[in-house]
């Protein structure tokens, strides 16, 4: 069981790390804690972590699509790594074709993530 986060302690840690407290509050229902902008530009809630501040419905749709894509890519990469780990931990023979297939999956996912990251950093 994970220990509950002390929001005041977390806020103090964020400020010590150079984060700036914003006027906006966490959008999660019932939270209402102030948000913080990290030195990286990322906006976080002391309890809920990363949040996205949007001004329009279009921005909200774009963020939702982007987050959904990132989560899907993470799950695909995790699955590929688990499959390779299972394959390598078995004492039997390794099927090189199967291993190469999973390596290609990881490589493609990482390439897509890299393209997404470069596009998002160029739009800031």
PDB file of N, CA and C in Angstrom:
ATOM      1  N   UNK A   1       0.837  -1.186   0.000  1.00  0.00           N
ATOM      2  CA  UNK A   1       0.000   0.000   0.000  1.00  0.00           C
ATOM      3  C   UNK A   1       0.880   1.247   0.000  1.00  0.00           C
ATOM      4  N   UNK A   2       0.573   2.185  -0.867  1.00  0.00           N
ATOM      5  CA  UNK A   2       1.363   3.383  -1.005  1.00  0.00           C
ATOM      6  C   UNK A   2       0.971   4.402   0.063  1.00  0.00           C
ATOM      7  N   UNK A   3       1.984   5.069   0.645  1.00  0.00           N
ATOM      8  CA  UNK A   3       1.712   6.082   1.655  1.00  0.00           C
ATOM      9  C   UNK A   3       1.056   7.296   0.993  1.00  0.00           C
ATOM     10  N   UNK A   4       0.122   7.915   1.692  1.00  0.00           N
ATOM     11  CA  UNK A   4      -0.564   9.080   1.161  1.00  0.00           C
ATOM     12  C   UNK A   4       0.398  10.263   1.120  1.00  0.00           C
ATOM     13  N   UNK A   5       0.291  11.066   0.069  1.00  0.00           N
ATOM     14  CA  UNK A   5       1.161  12.217  -0.126  1.00  0.00           C
ATOM     15  C   UNK A   5       0.723  13.354   0.797  1.00  0.00           C
ATOM     16  N   UNK A   6       1.682  13.944   1.517  1.00  0.00           N
ATOM     17  CA  UNK A   6       1.402  15.135   2.321  1.00  0.00           C
ATOM     18  C   UNK A   6       1.522  16.336   1.384  1.00  0.00           C
ATOM     19  N   UNK A   7       0.393  16.957   1.022  1.00  0.00           N
ATOM     20  CA  UNK A   7       0.440  18.021   0.017  1.00  0.00           C
ATOM     21  C   UNK A   7       1.313  19.208   0.419  1.00  0.00           C
ATOM     22  N   UNK A   8       1.300  19.579   1.684  1.00  0.00           N
ATOM     23  CA  UNK A   8       2.096  20.725   2.119  1.00  0.00           C
ATOM     24  C   UNK A   8       3.585  20.412   1.967  1.00  0.00           C
ATOM     25  N   UNK A   9       3.972  19.214   2.355  1.00  0.00           N
ATOM     26  CA  UNK A   9       5.370  18.805   2.220  1.00  0.00           C
ATOM     27  C   UNK A   9       5.780  18.771   0.746  1.00  0.00           C
ATOM     28  N   UNK A  10       4.914  18.245  -0.103  1.00  0.00           N
ATOM     29  CA  UNK A  10       5.198  18.158  -1.536  1.00  0.00           C
ATOM     30  C   UNK A  10       5.309  19.556  -2.144  1.00  0.00           C
ATOM     31  N   UNK A  11       4.417  20.483  -1.723  1.00  0.00           N
ATOM     32  CA  UNK A  11       4.482  21.853  -2.236  1.00  0.00           C
ATOM     33  C   UNK A  11       5.800  22.510  -1.829  1.00  0.00           C
ATOM     34  N   UNK A  12       6.228  22.281  -0.598  1.00  0.00           N
ATOM     35  CA  UNK A  12       7.506  22.835  -0.137  1.00  0.00           C
ATOM     36  C   UNK A  12       8.666  22.278  -0.956  1.00  0.00           C
ATOM     37  N   UNK A  13       8.621  20.977  -1.251  1.00  0.00           N
ATOM     38  CA  UNK A  13       9.672  20.357  -2.060  1.00  0.00           C
ATOM     39  C   UNK A  13       9.703  20.955  -3.466  1.00  0.00           C
ATOM     40  N   UNK A  14       8.527  21.195  -4.034  1.00  0.00           N
ATOM     41  CA  UNK A  14       8.459  21.781  -5.371  1.00  0.00           C
ATOM     42  C   UNK A  14       9.070  23.182  -5.381  1.00  0.00           C
ATOM     43  N   UNK A  15       8.740  23.981  -4.382  1.00  0.00           N
ATOM     44  CA  UNK A  15       9.278  25.341  -4.309  1.00  0.00           C
ATOM     45  C   UNK A  15      10.793  25.305  -4.111  1.00  0.00           C
ATOM     46  N   UNK A  16      11.271  24.408  -3.241  1.00  0.00           N
ATOM     47  CA  UNK A  16      12.721  24.268  -3.034  1.00  0.00           C
ATOM     48  C   UNK A  16      13.433  23.878  -4.327  1.00  0.00           C
ATOM     49  N   UNK A  17      12.743  23.111  -5.171  1.00  0.00           N
ATOM     50  CA  UNK A  17      13.329  22.659  -6.434  1.00  0.00           C
ATOM     51  C   UNK A  17      13.247  23.725  -7.525  1.00  0.00           C
ATOM     52  N   UNK A  18      12.667  24.882  -7.193  1.00  0.00           N
ATOM     53  CA  UNK A  18      12.609  25.974  -8.158  1.00  0.00           C
ATOM     54  C   UNK A  18      11.305  26.098  -8.907  1.00  0.00           C
ATOM     55  N   UNK A  19      10.285  25.340  -8.518  1.00  0.00           N
ATOM     56  CA  UNK A  19       8.984  25.442  -9.170  1.00  0.00           C
ATOM     57  C   UNK A  19       8.305  26.741  -8.745  1.00  0.00           C
ATOM     58  N   UNK A  20       7.431  27.235  -9.601  1.00  0.00           N
ATOM     59  CA  UNK A  20       6.700  28.467  -9.332  1.00  0.00           C
ATOM     60  C   UNK A  20       5.228  28.114  -9.093  1.00  0.00           C
ATOM     61  N   UNK A  21       4.685  28.623  -7.976  1.00  0.00           N
ATOM     62  CA  UNK A  21       3.274  28.384  -7.692  1.00  0.00           C
ATOM     63  C   UNK A  21       2.437  29.265  -8.610  1.00  0.00           C
ATOM     64  N   UNK A  22       1.420  28.662  -9.230  1.00  0.00           N
ATOM     65  CA  UNK A  22       0.547  29.377 -10.153  1.00  0.00           C
ATOM     66  C   UNK A  22      -0.754  29.786  -9.476  1.00  0.00           C
ATOM     67  N   UNK A  23      -1.483  30.681 -10.087  1.00  0.00           N
ATOM     68  CA  UNK A  23      -2.775  31.103  -9.561  1.00  0.00           C
ATOM     69  C   UNK A  23      -3.841  30.041  -9.819  1.00  0.00           C
ATOM     70  N   UNK A  24      -3.627  29.197 -10.843  1.00  0.00           N
ATOM     71  CA  UNK A  24      -4.584  28.152 -11.186  1.00  0.00           C
ATOM     72  C   UNK A  24      -4.548  27.033 -10.164  1.00  0.00           C
ATOM     73  N   UNK A  25      -5.674  26.360 -10.005  1.00  0.00           N
ATOM     74  CA  UNK A  25      -5.749  25.229  -9.080  1.00  0.00           C
ATOM     75  C   UNK A  25      -5.958  23.929  -9.854  1.00  0.00           C
ATOM     76  N   UNK A  26      -5.723  22.828  -9.185  1.00  0.00           N
ATOM     77  CA  UNK A  26      -5.848  21.509  -9.790  1.00  0.00           C
ATOM     78  C   UNK A  26      -7.275  21.272 -10.273  1.00  0.00           C
ATOM     79  N   UNK A  27      -7.415  20.792 -11.513  1.00  0.00           N
ATOM     80  CA  UNK A  27      -8.754  20.573 -12.050  1.00  0.00           C
ATOM     81  C   UNK A  27      -9.429  19.292 -11.573  1.00  0.00           C
ATOM     82  N   UNK A  28      -8.703  18.434 -10.864  1.00  0.00           N
ATOM     83  CA  UNK A  28      -9.317  17.195 -10.387  1.00  0.00           C
ATOM     84  C   UNK A  28     -10.400  17.514  -9.370  1.00  0.00           C
ATOM     85  N   UNK A  29     -11.559  16.863  -9.481  1.00  0.00           N
ATOM     86  CA  UNK A  29     -12.672  17.131  -8.566  1.00  0.00           C
ATOM     87  C   UNK A  29     -12.256  16.961  -7.100  1.00  0.00           C
ATOM     88  N   UNK A  30     -12.547  17.980  -6.308  1.00  0.00           N
ATOM     89  CA  UNK A  30     -12.287  17.920  -4.874  1.00  0.00           C
ATOM     90  C   UNK A  30     -10.859  18.247  -4.466  1.00  0.00           C
ATOM     91  N   UNK A  31      -9.968  18.500  -5.426  1.00  0.00           N
ATOM     92  CA  UNK A  31      -8.569  18.769  -5.067  1.00  0.00           C
ATOM     93  C   UNK A  31      -8.394  20.243  -4.706  1.00  0.00           C
ATOM     94  N   UNK A  32      -8.393  21.111  -5.696  1.00  0.00           N
ATOM     95  CA  UNK A  32      -8.298  22.546  -5.448  1.00  0.00           C
ATOM     96  C   UNK A  32      -6.940  23.053  -4.999  1.00  0.00           C
ATOM     97  N   UNK A  33      -5.908  22.196  -4.971  1.00  0.00           N
ATOM     98  CA  UNK A  33      -4.575  22.657  -4.587  1.00  0.00           C
ATOM     99  C   UNK A  33      -3.984  23.519  -5.697  1.00  0.00           C
ATOM    100  N   UNK A  34      -3.078  24.448  -5.318  1.00  0.00           N
ATOM    101  CA  UNK A  34      -2.449  25.271  -6.353  1.00  0.00           C
ATOM    102  C   UNK A  34      -1.563  24.413  -7.257  1.00  0.00           C
ATOM    103  N   UNK A  35      -1.472  24.830  -8.520  1.00  0.00           N
ATOM    104  CA  UNK A  35      -0.594  24.147  -9.466  1.00  0.00           C
ATOM    105  C   UNK A  35       0.770  24.810  -9.446  1.00  0.00           C
ATOM    106  N   UNK A  36       1.782  24.065  -9.890  1.00  0.00           N
ATOM    107  CA  UNK A  36       3.153  24.554  -9.920  1.00  0.00           C
ATOM    108  C   UNK A  36       3.738  24.340 -11.302  1.00  0.00           C
ATOM    109  N   UNK A  37       4.500  25.344 -11.784  1.00  0.00           N
ATOM    110  CA  UNK A  37       5.206  25.200 -13.050  1.00  0.00           C
ATOM    111  C   UNK A  37       6.657  24.870 -12.729  1.00  0.00           C
ATOM    112  N   UNK A  38       7.107  23.703 -13.225  1.00  0.00           N
ATOM    113  CA  UNK A  38       8.484  23.279 -13.023  1.00  0.00           C
ATOM    114  C   UNK A  38       9.413  24.056 -13.953  1.00  0.00           C
ATOM    115  N   UNK A  39      10.706  23.967 -13.712  1.00  0.00           N
ATOM    116  CA  UNK A  39      11.687  24.643 -14.567  1.00  0.00           C
ATOM    117  C   UNK A  39      11.583  24.162 -16.010  1.00  0.00           C
ATOM    118  N   UNK A  40      11.108  22.945 -16.213  1.00  0.00           N
ATOM    119  CA  UNK A  40      10.950  22.378 -17.557  1.00  0.00           C
ATOM    120  C   UNK A  40       9.739  22.937 -18.286  1.00  0.00           C
ATOM    121  N   UNK A  41       8.883  23.666 -17.555  1.00  0.00           N
ATOM    122  CA  UNK A  41       7.666  24.201 -18.141  1.00  0.00           C
ATOM    123  C   UNK A  41       6.450  23.332 -17.869  1.00  0.00           C
ATOM    124  N   UNK A  42       6.690  22.131 -17.378  1.00  0.00           N
ATOM    125  CA  UNK A  42       5.599  21.206 -17.065  1.00  0.00           C
ATOM    126  C   UNK A  42       4.806  21.740 -15.871  1.00  0.00           C
ATOM    127  N   UNK A  43       3.482  21.583 -15.912  1.00  0.00           N
ATOM    128  CA  UNK A  43       2.611  22.029 -14.821  1.00  0.00           C
ATOM    129  C   UNK A  43       2.176  20.793 -14.037  1.00  0.00           C
ATOM    130  N   UNK A  44       2.329  20.870 -12.706  1.00  0.00           N
ATOM    131  CA  UNK A  44       2.005  19.717 -11.866  1.00  0.00           C
ATOM    132  C   UNK A  44       1.162  20.125 -10.664  1.00  0.00           C
ATOM    133  N   UNK A  45       0.366  19.162 -10.216  1.00  0.00           N
ATOM    134  CA  UNK A  45      -0.350  19.268  -8.947  1.00  0.00           C
ATOM    135  C   UNK A  45       0.504  18.513  -7.931  1.00  0.00           C
ATOM    136  N   UNK A  46       0.638  19.003  -6.696  1.00  0.00           N
ATOM    137  CA  UNK A  46       1.451  18.304  -5.703  1.00  0.00           C
ATOM    138  C   UNK A  46       0.951  16.891  -5.397  1.00  0.00           C
ATOM    139  N   UNK A  47      -0.337  16.633  -5.620  1.00  0.00           N
ATOM    140  CA  UNK A  47      -0.902  15.321  -5.320  1.00  0.00           C
ATOM    141  C   UNK A  47      -1.079  14.477  -6.589  1.00  0.00           C
ATOM    142  N   UNK A  48      -1.583  15.086  -7.659  1.00  0.00           N
ATOM    143  CA  UNK A  48      -1.963  14.327  -8.851  1.00  0.00           C
ATOM    144  C   UNK A  48      -0.901  14.284  -9.942  1.00  0.00           C
ATOM    145  N   UNK A  49       0.162  15.038  -9.774  1.00  0.00           N
ATOM    146  CA  UNK A  49       1.209  15.028 -10.791  1.00  0.00           C
ATOM    147  C   UNK A  49       0.880  15.947 -11.951  1.00  0.00           C
ATOM    148  N   UNK A  50       1.325  15.548 -13.143  1.00  0.00           N
ATOM    149  CA  UNK A  50       1.206  16.389 -14.327  1.00  0.00           C
ATOM    150  C   UNK A  50      -0.250  16.675 -14.683  1.00  0.00           C
ATOM    151  N   UNK A  51      -0.515  17.938 -14.975  1.00  0.00           N
ATOM    152  CA  UNK A  51      -1.833  18.353 -15.452  1.00  0.00           C
ATOM    153  C   UNK A  51      -1.633  19.244 -16.673  1.00  0.00           C
ATOM    154  N   UNK A  52      -2.687  19.412 -17.441  1.00  0.00           N
ATOM    155  CA  UNK A  52      -2.635  20.226 -18.643  1.00  0.00           C
ATOM    156  C   UNK A  52      -3.611  21.379 -18.499  1.00  0.00           C
ATOM    157  N   UNK A  53      -3.128  22.573 -18.768  1.00  0.00           N
ATOM    158  CA  UNK A  53      -3.982  23.749 -18.728  1.00  0.00           C
ATOM    159  C   UNK A  53      -4.392  24.071 -20.159  1.00  0.00           C
ATOM    160  N   UNK A  54      -5.687  24.042 -20.418  1.00  0.00           N
ATOM    161  CA  UNK A  54      -6.193  24.320 -21.757  1.00  0.00           C
ATOM    162  C   UNK A  54      -7.181  25.467 -21.688  1.00  0.00           C
ATOM    163  N   UNK A  55      -7.247  26.198 -22.792  1.00  0.00           N
ATOM    164  CA  UNK A  55      -8.141  27.361 -22.834  1.00  0.00           C
ATOM    165  C   UNK A  55      -9.379  27.109 -23.681  1.00  0.00           C
ATOM    166  N   UNK A  56      -9.273  26.153 -24.611  1.00  0.00           N
ATOM    167  CA  UNK A  56     -10.405  25.906 -25.508  1.00  0.00           C
ATOM    168  C   UNK A  56     -10.711  24.413 -25.563  1.00  0.00           C
ATOM    169  N   UNK A  57     -11.882  24.108 -26.084  1.00  0.00           N
ATOM    170  CA  UNK A  57     -12.268  22.699 -26.270  1.00  0.00           C
ATOM    171  C   UNK A  57     -11.332  22.015 -27.264  1.00  0.00           C
ATOM    172  N   UNK A  58     -10.887  22.771 -28.267  1.00  0.00           N
ATOM    173  CA  UNK A  58      -9.963  22.214 -29.261  1.00  0.00           C
ATOM    174  C   UNK A  58      -8.645  21.808 -28.597  1.00  0.00           C
ATOM    175  N   UNK A  59      -8.113  22.677 -27.730  1.00  0.00           N
ATOM    176  CA  UNK A  59      -6.895  22.342 -26.993  1.00  0.00           C
ATOM    177  C   UNK A  59      -7.119  21.114 -26.120  1.00  0.00           C
ATOM    178  N   UNK A  60      -8.274  21.019 -25.495  1.00  0.00           N
ATOM    179  CA  UNK A  60      -8.581  19.868 -24.643  1.00  0.00           C
ATOM    180  C   UNK A  60      -8.585  18.588 -25.469  1.00  0.00           C
ATOM    181  N   UNK A  61      -9.169  18.627 -26.663  1.00  0.00           N
ATOM    182  CA  UNK A  61      -9.175  17.449 -27.537  1.00  0.00           C
ATOM    183  C   UNK A  61      -7.760  17.071 -27.961  1.00  0.00           C
ATOM    184  N   UNK A  62      -6.944  18.081 -28.294  1.00  0.00           N
ATOM    185  CA  UNK A  62      -5.567  17.819 -28.710  1.00  0.00           C
ATOM    186  C   UNK A  62      -4.766  17.172 -27.576  1.00  0.00           C
ATOM    187  N   UNK A  63      -4.929  17.694 -26.370  1.00  0.00           N
ATOM    188  CA  UNK A  63      -4.210  17.139 -25.221  1.00  0.00           C
ATOM    189  C   UNK A  63      -4.676  15.713 -24.958  1.00  0.00           C
ATOM    190  N   UNK A  64      -5.981  15.490 -25.014  1.00  0.00           N
ATOM    191  CA  UNK A  64      -6.519  14.151 -24.769  1.00  0.00           C
ATOM    192  C   UNK A  64      -5.966  13.164 -25.794  1.00  0.00           C
ATOM    193  N   UNK A  65      -5.934  13.558 -27.052  1.00  0.00           N
ATOM    194  CA  UNK A  65      -5.399  12.699 -28.107  1.00  0.00           C
ATOM    195  C   UNK A  65      -3.913  12.429 -27.879  1.00  0.00           C
ATOM    196  N   UNK A  66      -3.181  13.467 -27.539  1.00  0.00           N
ATOM    197  CA  UNK A  66      -1.742  13.338 -27.311  1.00  0.00           C
ATOM    198  C   UNK A  66      -1.441  12.423 -26.130  1.00  0.00           C
ATOM    199  N   UNK A  67      -2.162  12.607 -25.047  1.00  0.00           N
ATOM    200  CA  UNK A  67      -1.958  11.773 -23.855  1.00  0.00           C
ATOM    201  C   UNK A  67      -2.339  10.332 -24.146  1.00  0.00           C
ATOM    202  N   UNK A  68      -3.434  10.144 -24.859  1.00  0.00           N
ATOM    203  CA  UNK A  68      -3.878   8.804 -25.213  1.00  0.00           C
ATOM    204  C   UNK A  68      -2.834   8.103 -26.080  1.00  0.00           C
ATOM    205  N   UNK A  69      -2.286   8.811 -27.047  1.00  0.00           N
ATOM    206  CA  UNK A  69      -1.248   8.246 -27.912  1.00  0.00           C
ATOM    207  C   UNK A  69      -0.012   7.881 -27.096  1.00  0.00           C
ATOM    208  N   UNK A  70       0.413   8.773 -26.209  1.00  0.00           N
ATOM    209  CA  UNK A  70       1.601   8.508 -25.385  1.00  0.00           C
ATOM    210  C   UNK A  70       1.389   7.279 -24.501  1.00  0.00           C
ATOM    211  N   UNK A  71       0.204   7.164 -23.916  1.00  0.00           N
ATOM    212  CA  UNK A  71      -0.076   6.011 -23.054  1.00  0.00           C
ATOM    213  C   UNK A  71      -0.090   4.716 -23.865  1.00  0.00           C
ATOM    214  N   UNK A  72      -0.655   4.777 -25.065  1.00  0.00           N
ATOM    215  CA  UNK A  72      -0.694   3.598 -25.929  1.00  0.00           C
ATOM    216  C   UNK A  72       0.714   3.182 -26.329  1.00  0.00           C
ATOM    217  N   UNK A  73       1.537   4.149 -26.710  1.00  0.00           N
ATOM    218  CA  UNK A  73       2.924   3.837 -27.075  1.00  0.00           C
ATOM    219  C   UNK A  73       3.684   3.242 -25.893  1.00  0.00           C
ATOM    220  N   UNK A  74       3.474   3.783 -24.702  1.00  0.00           N
ATOM    221  CA  UNK A  74       4.123   3.237 -23.504  1.00  0.00           C
ATOM    222  C   UNK A  74       3.707   1.786 -23.264  1.00  0.00           C
ATOM    223  N   UNK A  75       2.418   1.509 -23.444  1.00  0.00           N
ATOM    224  CA  UNK A  75       1.927   0.138 -23.228  1.00  0.00           C
ATOM    225  C   UNK A  75       2.497  -0.826 -24.265  1.00  0.00           C
ATOM    226  N   UNK A  76       2.591  -0.390 -25.525  1.00  0.00           N
ATOM    227  CA  UNK A  76       3.159  -1.238 -26.576  1.00  0.00           C
ATOM    228  C   UNK A  76       4.628  -1.528 -26.281  1.00  0.00           C
ATOM    229  N   UNK A  77       5.365  -0.486 -25.898  1.00  0.00           N
ATOM    230  CA  UNK A  77       6.787  -0.661 -25.586  1.00  0.00           C
ATOM    231  C   UNK A  77       6.968  -1.604 -24.393  1.00  0.00           C
ATOM    232  N   UNK A  78       6.160  -1.413 -23.365  1.00  0.00           N
ATOM    233  CA  UNK A  78       6.235  -2.270 -22.182  1.00  0.00           C
ATOM    234  C   UNK A  78       5.954  -3.724 -22.537  1.00  0.00           C
ATOM    235  N   UNK A  79       4.951  -3.947 -23.354  1.00  0.00           N
ATOM    236  CA  UNK A  79       4.606  -5.308 -23.772  1.00  0.00           C
ATOM    237  C   UNK A  79       5.753  -5.951 -24.547  1.00  0.00           C
ATOM    238  N   UNK A  80       6.348  -5.200 -25.464  1.00  0.00           N
ATOM    239  CA  UNK A  80       7.464  -5.726 -26.254  1.00  0.00           C
ATOM    240  C   UNK A  80       8.639  -6.090 -25.352  1.00  0.00           C
ATOM    241  N   UNK A  81       8.948  -5.223 -24.406  1.00  0.00           N
ATOM    242  CA  UNK A  81      10.054  -5.496 -23.479  1.00  0.00           C
ATOM    243  C   UNK A  81       9.766  -6.710 -22.605  1.00  0.00           C
ATOM    244  N   UNK A  82       8.501  -6.843 -22.173  1.00  0.00           N
ATOM    245  CA  UNK A  82       8.125  -8.011 -21.366  1.00  0.00           C
ATOM    246  C   UNK A  82       8.263  -9.298 -22.184  1.00  0.00           C
ATOM    247  N   UNK A  83       7.836  -9.253 -23.432  1.00  0.00           N
ATOM    248  CA  UNK A  83       7.933 -10.431 -24.300  1.00  0.00           C
ATOM    249  C   UNK A  83       9.398 -10.828 -24.513  1.00  0.00           C
ATOM    250  N   UNK A  84      10.254  -9.840 -24.750  1.00  0.00           N
ATOM    251  CA  UNK A  84      11.680 -10.147 -24.937  1.00  0.00           C
ATOM    252  C   UNK A  84      12.294 -10.689 -23.660  1.00  0.00           C
ATOM    253  N   UNK A  85      11.934 -10.103 -22.533  1.00  0.00           N
ATOM    254  CA  UNK A  85      12.457 -10.570 -21.256  1.00  0.00           C
ATOM    255  C   UNK A  85      12.039 -12.012 -21.004  1.00  0.00           C
ATOM    256  N   UNK A  86      10.771 -12.315 -21.271  1.00  0.00           N
ATOM    257  CA  UNK A  86      10.279 -13.683 -21.088  1.00  0.00           C
ATOM    258  C   UNK A  86      11.019 -14.642 -22.009  1.00  0.00           C
ATOM    259  N   UNK A  87      11.234 -14.210 -23.228  1.00  0.00           N
ATOM    260  CA  UNK A  87      11.927 -15.045 -24.200  1.00  0.00           C
ATOM    261  C   UNK A  87      13.370 -15.325 -23.762  1.00  0.00           C
ATOM    262  N   UNK A  88      14.026 -14.297 -23.274  1.00  0.00           N
ATOM    263  CA  UNK A  88      15.435 -14.432 -22.880  1.00  0.00           C
ATOM    264  C   UNK A  88      15.610 -15.168 -21.556  1.00  0.00           C
ATOM    265  N   UNK A  89      14.606 -15.112 -20.690  1.00  0.00           N
ATOM    266  CA  UNK A  89      14.747 -15.770 -19.397  1.00  0.00           C
ATOM    267  C   UNK A  89      14.473 -17.265 -19.480  1.00  0.00           C
ATOM    268  N   UNK A  90      13.831 -17.689 -20.550  1.00  0.00           N
ATOM    269  CA  UNK A  90      13.607 -19.125 -20.726  1.00  0.00           C
ATOM    270  C   UNK A  90      14.935 -19.789 -21.071  1.00  0.00           C
ATOM    271  N   UNK A  91      15.109 -21.017 -20.623  1.00  0.00           N
ATOM    272  CA  UNK A  91      16.362 -21.739 -20.857  1.00  0.00           C
ATOM    273  C   UNK A  91      16.417 -22.398 -22.235  1.00  0.00           C
ATOM    274  N   UNK A  92      15.286 -22.416 -22.919  1.00  0.00           N
ATOM    275  CA  UNK A  92      15.239 -23.036 -24.242  1.00  0.00           C
ATOM    276  C   UNK A  92      15.908 -22.158 -25.289  1.00  0.00           C
ATOM    277  N   UNK A  93      15.780 -22.560 -26.512  1.00  0.00           N
ATOM    278  CA  UNK A  93      16.361 -21.785 -27.596  1.00  0.00           C
ATOM    279  C   UNK A  93      15.563 -20.511 -27.836  1.00  0.00           C
ATOM    280  N   UNK A  94      16.272 -19.488 -28.271  1.00  0.00           N
ATOM    281  CA  UNK A  94      15.649 -18.207 -28.577  1.00  0.00           C
ATOM    282  C   UNK A  94      15.385 -18.180 -30.072  1.00  0.00           C
ATOM    283  N   UNK A  95      14.176 -17.798 -30.424  1.00  0.00           N
ATOM    284  CA  UNK A  95      13.826 -17.652 -31.830  1.00  0.00           C
ATOM    285  C   UNK A  95      14.296 -16.269 -32.284  1.00  0.00           C
ATOM    286  N   UNK A  96      15.382 -16.216 -33.087  1.00  0.00           N
ATOM    287  CA  UNK A  96      15.928 -14.921 -33.496  1.00  0.00           C
ATOM    288  C   UNK A  96      14.911 -14.069 -34.269  1.00  0.00           C
ATOM    289  N   UNK A  97      14.077 -14.696 -35.062  1.00  0.00           N
ATOM    290  CA  UNK A  97      13.081 -13.956 -35.830  1.00  0.00           C
ATOM    291  C   UNK A  97      12.096 -13.263 -34.892  1.00  0.00           C
ATOM    292  N   UNK A  98      11.649 -13.971 -33.864  1.00  0.00           N
ATOM    293  CA  UNK A  98      10.722 -13.404 -32.885  1.00  0.00           C
ATOM    294  C   UNK A  98      11.390 -12.265 -32.107  1.00  0.00           C
ATOM    295  N   UNK A  99      12.638 -12.464 -31.710  1.00  0.00           N
ATOM    296  CA  UNK A  99      13.370 -11.433 -30.973  1.00  0.00           C
ATOM    297  C   UNK A  99      13.534 -10.182 -31.831  1.00  0.00           C
ATOM    298  N   UNK A 100      13.901 -10.358 -33.087  1.00  0.00           N
ATOM    299  CA  UNK A 100      14.062  -9.223 -33.993  1.00  0.00           C
ATOM    300  C   UNK A 100      12.735  -8.489 -34.176  1.00  0.00           C
ATOM    301  N   UNK A 101      11.655  -9.243 -34.269  1.00  0.00           N
ATOM    302  CA  UNK A 101      10.329  -8.626 -34.419  1.00  0.00           C
ATOM    303  C   UNK A 101      10.016  -7.703 -33.242  1.00  0.00           C
ATOM    304  N   UNK A 102      10.270  -8.181 -32.011  1.00  0.00           N
ATOM    305  CA  UNK A 102      10.003  -7.358 -30.828  1.00  0.00           C
ATOM    306  C   UNK A 102      10.972  -6.181 -30.741  1.00  0.00           C
ATOM    307  N   UNK A 103      12.224  -6.388 -31.143  1.00  0.00           N
ATOM    308  CA  UNK A 103      13.181  -5.276 -31.147  1.00  0.00           C
ATOM    309  C   UNK A 103      12.740  -4.187 -32.122  1.00  0.00           C
ATOM    310  N   UNK A 104      12.201  -4.589 -33.258  1.00  0.00           N
ATOM    311  CA  UNK A 104      11.687  -3.624 -34.230  1.00  0.00           C
ATOM    312  C   UNK A 104      10.500  -2.848 -33.666  1.00  0.00           C
ATOM    313  N   UNK A 105       9.662  -3.518 -32.899  1.00  0.00           N
ATOM    314  CA  UNK A 105       8.533  -2.830 -32.267  1.00  0.00           C
ATOM    315  C   UNK A 105       9.047  -1.747 -31.330  1.00  0.00           C
ATOM    316  N   UNK A 106      10.013  -2.100 -30.483  1.00  0.00           N
ATOM    317  CA  UNK A 106      10.572  -1.128 -29.530  1.00  0.00           C
ATOM    318  C   UNK A 106      11.219   0.028 -30.284  1.00  0.00           C
ATOM    319  N   UNK A 107      11.971  -0.298 -31.313  1.00  0.00           N
ATOM    320  CA  UNK A 107      12.663   0.737 -32.080  1.00  0.00           C
ATOM    321  C   UNK A 107      11.665   1.688 -32.738  1.00  0.00           C
ATOM    322  N   UNK A 108      10.599   1.169 -33.297  1.00  0.00           N
ATOM    323  CA  UNK A 108       9.587   2.010 -33.945  1.00  0.00           C
ATOM    324  C   UNK A 108       8.851   2.884 -32.947  1.00  0.00           C
ATOM    325  N   UNK A 109       8.508   2.298 -31.803  1.00  0.00           N
ATOM    326  CA  UNK A 109       7.823   3.085 -30.762  1.00  0.00           C
ATOM    327  C   UNK A 109       8.726   4.234 -30.313  1.00  0.00           C
ATOM    328  N   UNK A 110       9.993   3.951 -30.101  1.00  0.00           N
ATOM    329  CA  UNK A 110      10.917   5.003 -29.649  1.00  0.00           C
ATOM    330  C   UNK A 110      11.119   6.059 -30.723  1.00  0.00           C
ATOM    331  N   UNK A 111      11.102   5.661 -31.978  1.00  0.00           N
ATOM    332  CA  UNK A 111      11.225   6.625 -33.072  1.00  0.00           C
ATOM    333  C   UNK A 111       9.999   7.538 -33.099  1.00  0.00           C
ATOM    334  N   UNK A 112       8.823   6.957 -32.935  1.00  0.00           N
ATOM    335  CA  UNK A 112       7.587   7.753 -32.914  1.00  0.00           C
ATOM    336  C   UNK A 112       7.614   8.720 -31.737  1.00  0.00           C
ATOM    337  N   UNK A 113       8.025   8.239 -30.563  1.00  0.00           N
ATOM    338  CA  UNK A 113       8.117   9.116 -29.386  1.00  0.00           C
ATOM    339  C   UNK A 113       9.089  10.263 -29.634  1.00  0.00           C
ATOM    340  N   UNK A 114      10.195   9.976 -30.300  1.00  0.00           N
ATOM    341  CA  UNK A 114      11.189  10.999 -30.607  1.00  0.00           C
ATOM    342  C   UNK A 114      10.612  12.063 -31.541  1.00  0.00           C
ATOM    343  N   UNK A 115       9.877  11.631 -32.559  1.00  0.00           N
ATOM    344  CA  UNK A 115       9.253  12.575 -33.490  1.00  0.00           C
ATOM    345  C   UNK A 115       8.237  13.441 -32.753  1.00  0.00           C
ATOM    346  N   UNK A 116       7.435  12.831 -31.899  1.00  0.00           N
ATOM    347  CA  UNK A 116       6.442  13.580 -31.128  1.00  0.00           C
ATOM    348  C   UNK A 116       7.124  14.598 -30.225  1.00  0.00           C
ATOM    349  N   UNK A 117       8.195  14.170 -29.550  1.00  0.00           N
ATOM    350  CA  UNK A 117       8.913  15.070 -28.642  1.00  0.00           C
ATOM    351  C   UNK A 117       9.529  16.235 -29.405  1.00  0.00           C
ATOM    352  N   UNK A 118      10.095  15.977 -30.578  1.00  0.00           N
ATOM    353  CA  UNK A 118      10.709  17.062 -31.344  1.00  0.00           C
ATOM    354  C   UNK A 118       9.655  18.036 -31.864  1.00  0.00           C
ATOM    355  N   UNK A 119       8.483  17.523 -32.227  1.00  0.00           N
ATOM    356  CA  UNK A 119       7.400  18.410 -32.680  1.00  0.00           C
ATOM    357  C   UNK A 119       6.870  19.264 -31.549  1.00  0.00           C
ATOM    358  N   UNK A 120       6.707  18.660 -30.372  1.00  0.00           N
ATOM    359  CA  UNK A 120       6.163  19.428 -29.250  1.00  0.00           C
ATOM    360  C   UNK A 120       7.172  20.455 -28.753  1.00  0.00           C
ATOM    361  N   UNK A 121       8.475  20.169 -28.824  1.00  0.00           N
ATOM    362  CA  UNK A 121       9.464  21.139 -28.374  1.00  0.00           C
ATOM    363  C   UNK A 121       9.624  22.267 -29.381  1.00  0.00           C
ATOM    364  N   UNK A 122       9.338  22.016 -30.662  1.00  0.00           N
ATOM    365  CA  UNK A 122       9.439  23.065 -31.664  1.00  0.00           C
ATOM    366  C   UNK A 122       8.239  23.994 -31.657  1.00  0.00           C
ATOM    367  N   UNK A 123       7.138  23.561 -31.054  1.00  0.00           N
ATOM    368  CA  UNK A 123       5.942  24.404 -30.988  1.00  0.00           C
ATOM    369  C   UNK A 123       5.899  25.253 -29.723  1.00  0.00           C
ATOM    370  N   UNK A 124       6.834  25.049 -28.823  1.00  0.00           N
ATOM    371  CA  UNK A 124       6.829  25.847 -27.572  1.00  0.00           C
ATOM    372  C   UNK A 124       7.476  27.181 -27.765  1.00  0.00           C
TER     373      UNK A 124
END
